[in-house]
């Protein structure tokens, strides 16, 4: 029996694959945020900061901040 992948793990894979293009990265990040809990979003944010360049990290921090401020 195959174990299902979490949305967080899936999001990481997708973001790695699209990291060559900032516009696609932003689009896929936005889609990921709608599927994740606040705790998972914080984990994703930390992972992005640790694994991507400053520009993509800035995009992620900005998008996540905007998304969480709307969700309150």
N, C-alpha and C. Protein backbone atom coordinates (compact mmCIF):
# COMPACT_ATOMS: atom_id res chain seq x y z
N UNK A 1 0.84 -1.18 0.00
CA UNK A 1 0.00 0.00 0.00
C UNK A 1 0.88 1.25 0.00
N UNK A 2 0.56 2.18 -0.83
CA UNK A 2 1.38 3.38 -0.98
C UNK A 2 0.91 4.47 -0.02
N UNK A 3 1.87 5.08 0.66
CA UNK A 3 1.56 6.16 1.59
C UNK A 3 1.35 7.45 0.81
N UNK A 4 0.35 8.23 1.21
CA UNK A 4 0.07 9.49 0.53
C UNK A 4 1.04 10.56 0.97
N UNK A 5 1.42 11.39 0.03
CA UNK A 5 2.35 12.48 0.30
C UNK A 5 1.58 13.65 0.92
N UNK A 6 2.17 14.32 1.89
CA UNK A 6 1.53 15.49 2.51
C UNK A 6 1.58 16.67 1.54
N UNK A 7 0.68 17.62 1.73
CA UNK A 7 0.68 18.81 0.89
C UNK A 7 1.97 19.59 1.08
N UNK A 8 2.51 19.56 2.29
CA UNK A 8 3.77 20.27 2.55
C UNK A 8 4.90 19.66 1.72
N UNK A 9 5.02 18.36 1.73
CA UNK A 9 6.06 17.68 0.94
C UNK A 9 5.86 17.92 -0.55
N UNK A 10 4.63 17.83 -0.98
CA UNK A 10 4.31 18.07 -2.40
C UNK A 10 4.68 19.50 -2.79
N UNK A 11 4.35 20.45 -1.93
CA UNK A 11 4.66 21.86 -2.20
C UNK A 11 6.16 22.08 -2.36
N UNK A 12 6.94 21.45 -1.51
CA UNK A 12 8.39 21.58 -1.58
C UNK A 12 8.92 21.06 -2.92
N UNK A 13 8.42 19.94 -3.34
CA UNK A 13 8.85 19.36 -4.62
C UNK A 13 8.52 20.30 -5.78
N UNK A 14 7.30 20.81 -5.79
CA UNK A 14 6.87 21.71 -6.87
C UNK A 14 7.71 22.98 -6.86
N UNK A 15 7.91 23.57 -5.69
CA UNK A 15 8.68 24.81 -5.62
C UNK A 15 10.12 24.61 -6.07
N UNK A 16 10.69 23.47 -5.76
CA UNK A 16 12.04 23.18 -6.24
C UNK A 16 12.07 23.13 -7.77
N UNK A 17 11.04 22.52 -8.36
CA UNK A 17 11.01 22.35 -9.81
C UNK A 17 10.78 23.66 -10.56
N UNK A 18 10.11 24.61 -9.93
CA UNK A 18 9.81 25.87 -10.62
C UNK A 18 10.68 27.04 -10.16
N UNK A 19 11.68 26.76 -9.36
CA UNK A 19 12.51 27.83 -8.80
C UNK A 19 13.33 28.59 -9.85
N UNK A 20 13.36 28.12 -11.06
CA UNK A 20 14.09 28.80 -12.13
C UNK A 20 13.36 30.06 -12.61
N UNK A 21 12.07 30.19 -12.27
CA UNK A 21 11.26 31.30 -12.76
C UNK A 21 10.49 31.94 -11.60
N UNK A 22 10.76 33.20 -11.31
CA UNK A 22 10.13 33.87 -10.17
C UNK A 22 8.61 33.95 -10.29
N UNK A 23 8.12 34.18 -11.47
CA UNK A 23 6.68 34.32 -11.68
C UNK A 23 5.96 32.99 -11.40
N UNK A 24 6.50 31.91 -11.91
CA UNK A 24 5.90 30.59 -11.68
C UNK A 24 6.05 30.20 -10.20
N UNK A 25 7.21 30.51 -9.61
CA UNK A 25 7.43 30.22 -8.20
C UNK A 25 6.35 30.91 -7.35
N UNK A 26 6.10 32.18 -7.61
CA UNK A 26 5.08 32.93 -6.86
C UNK A 26 3.69 32.29 -7.04
N UNK A 27 3.36 31.92 -8.27
CA UNK A 27 2.05 31.31 -8.56
C UNK A 27 1.89 29.99 -7.81
N UNK A 28 2.92 29.14 -7.85
CA UNK A 28 2.84 27.85 -7.17
C UNK A 28 2.85 28.01 -5.65
N UNK A 29 3.58 28.99 -5.16
CA UNK A 29 3.57 29.25 -3.73
C UNK A 29 2.18 29.66 -3.27
N UNK A 30 1.53 30.52 -4.01
CA UNK A 30 0.17 30.95 -3.66
C UNK A 30 -0.79 29.76 -3.63
N UNK A 31 -0.67 28.87 -4.60
CA UNK A 31 -1.52 27.68 -4.60
C UNK A 31 -1.24 26.81 -3.37
N UNK A 32 0.03 26.69 -3.03
CA UNK A 32 0.42 25.88 -1.87
C UNK A 32 -0.16 26.44 -0.57
N UNK A 33 -0.13 27.76 -0.44
CA UNK A 33 -0.60 28.38 0.81
C UNK A 33 -2.06 28.05 1.09
N UNK A 34 -2.85 27.96 0.05
CA UNK A 34 -4.28 27.68 0.25
C UNK A 34 -4.54 26.25 0.73
N UNK A 35 -3.55 25.38 0.60
CA UNK A 35 -3.73 23.98 0.98
C UNK A 35 -3.11 23.64 2.34
N UNK A 36 -2.36 24.56 2.92
CA UNK A 36 -1.59 24.27 4.12
C UNK A 36 -2.17 24.94 5.36
N UNK A 37 -1.92 24.33 6.51
CA UNK A 37 -2.29 24.95 7.78
C UNK A 37 -1.28 26.05 8.10
N UNK A 38 -1.59 26.88 9.08
CA UNK A 38 -0.66 27.94 9.46
C UNK A 38 0.68 27.38 9.92
N UNK A 39 0.65 26.28 10.64
CA UNK A 39 1.89 25.65 11.10
C UNK A 39 2.74 25.16 9.92
N UNK A 40 2.07 24.55 8.95
CA UNK A 40 2.77 24.07 7.76
C UNK A 40 3.32 25.24 6.94
N UNK A 41 2.58 26.34 6.89
CA UNK A 41 3.05 27.52 6.16
C UNK A 41 4.34 28.04 6.79
N UNK A 42 4.40 28.08 8.11
CA UNK A 42 5.62 28.53 8.79
C UNK A 42 6.79 27.59 8.50
N UNK A 43 6.52 26.30 8.47
CA UNK A 43 7.57 25.32 8.13
C UNK A 43 8.05 25.53 6.69
N UNK A 44 7.10 25.76 5.79
CA UNK A 44 7.46 25.99 4.39
C UNK A 44 8.29 27.27 4.25
N UNK A 45 7.90 28.30 4.96
CA UNK A 45 8.64 29.56 4.92
C UNK A 45 10.09 29.35 5.37
N UNK A 46 10.29 28.66 6.46
CA UNK A 46 11.64 28.39 6.96
C UNK A 46 12.44 27.56 5.95
N UNK A 47 11.79 26.57 5.37
CA UNK A 47 12.45 25.72 4.38
C UNK A 47 12.89 26.54 3.16
N UNK A 48 12.02 27.43 2.70
CA UNK A 48 12.35 28.26 1.54
C UNK A 48 13.54 29.16 1.86
N UNK A 49 13.53 29.79 3.01
CA UNK A 49 14.64 30.67 3.41
C UNK A 49 15.95 29.88 3.46
N UNK A 50 15.90 28.66 3.95
CA UNK A 50 17.10 27.83 4.06
C UNK A 50 17.59 27.27 2.72
N UNK A 51 16.69 27.15 1.75
CA UNK A 51 17.03 26.43 0.52
C UNK A 51 17.08 27.24 -0.77
N UNK A 52 16.63 28.48 -0.72
CA UNK A 52 16.59 29.27 -1.95
C UNK A 52 17.33 30.59 -1.78
N UNK A 53 17.55 31.25 -2.90
CA UNK A 53 18.28 32.52 -2.88
C UNK A 53 17.46 33.63 -2.24
N UNK A 54 18.10 34.76 -2.06
CA UNK A 54 17.48 35.89 -1.38
C UNK A 54 16.22 36.38 -2.09
N UNK A 55 16.24 36.40 -3.39
CA UNK A 55 15.09 36.90 -4.15
C UNK A 55 13.87 36.01 -3.95
N UNK A 56 14.04 34.70 -4.09
CA UNK A 56 12.90 33.80 -3.89
C UNK A 56 12.46 33.79 -2.43
N UNK A 57 13.40 33.92 -1.52
CA UNK A 57 13.05 33.99 -0.09
C UNK A 57 12.23 35.24 0.19
N UNK A 58 12.62 36.35 -0.41
CA UNK A 58 11.87 37.60 -0.24
C UNK A 58 10.45 37.46 -0.80
N UNK A 59 10.34 36.87 -1.98
CA UNK A 59 9.02 36.63 -2.57
C UNK A 59 8.17 35.80 -1.62
N UNK A 60 8.75 34.74 -1.07
CA UNK A 60 8.01 33.85 -0.18
C UNK A 60 7.57 34.57 1.10
N UNK A 61 8.49 35.27 1.73
CA UNK A 61 8.16 35.97 2.98
C UNK A 61 7.05 36.99 2.73
N UNK A 62 7.14 37.71 1.63
CA UNK A 62 6.12 38.71 1.31
C UNK A 62 4.77 38.06 1.04
N UNK A 63 4.76 37.02 0.22
CA UNK A 63 3.49 36.34 -0.10
C UNK A 63 2.87 35.71 1.15
N UNK A 64 3.69 35.08 1.96
CA UNK A 64 3.19 34.42 3.17
C UNK A 64 2.64 35.46 4.15
N UNK A 65 3.35 36.54 4.32
CA UNK A 65 2.89 37.61 5.21
C UNK A 65 1.55 38.16 4.74
N UNK A 66 1.44 38.42 3.44
CA UNK A 66 0.18 38.92 2.87
C UNK A 66 -0.95 37.90 3.07
N UNK A 67 -0.66 36.65 2.80
CA UNK A 67 -1.67 35.60 2.91
C UNK A 67 -2.16 35.47 4.35
N UNK A 68 -1.24 35.45 5.30
CA UNK A 68 -1.63 35.28 6.71
C UNK A 68 -2.37 36.50 7.24
N UNK A 69 -2.05 37.69 6.75
CA UNK A 69 -2.75 38.88 7.22
C UNK A 69 -4.20 38.89 6.73
N UNK A 70 -4.45 38.31 5.58
CA UNK A 70 -5.82 38.21 5.04
C UNK A 70 -6.62 37.15 5.79
N UNK A 71 -5.95 36.09 6.23
CA UNK A 71 -6.62 34.96 6.88
C UNK A 71 -7.08 35.28 8.30
N UNK A 72 -6.58 36.31 8.92
CA UNK A 72 -6.94 36.60 10.32
C UNK A 72 -8.32 37.07 10.49
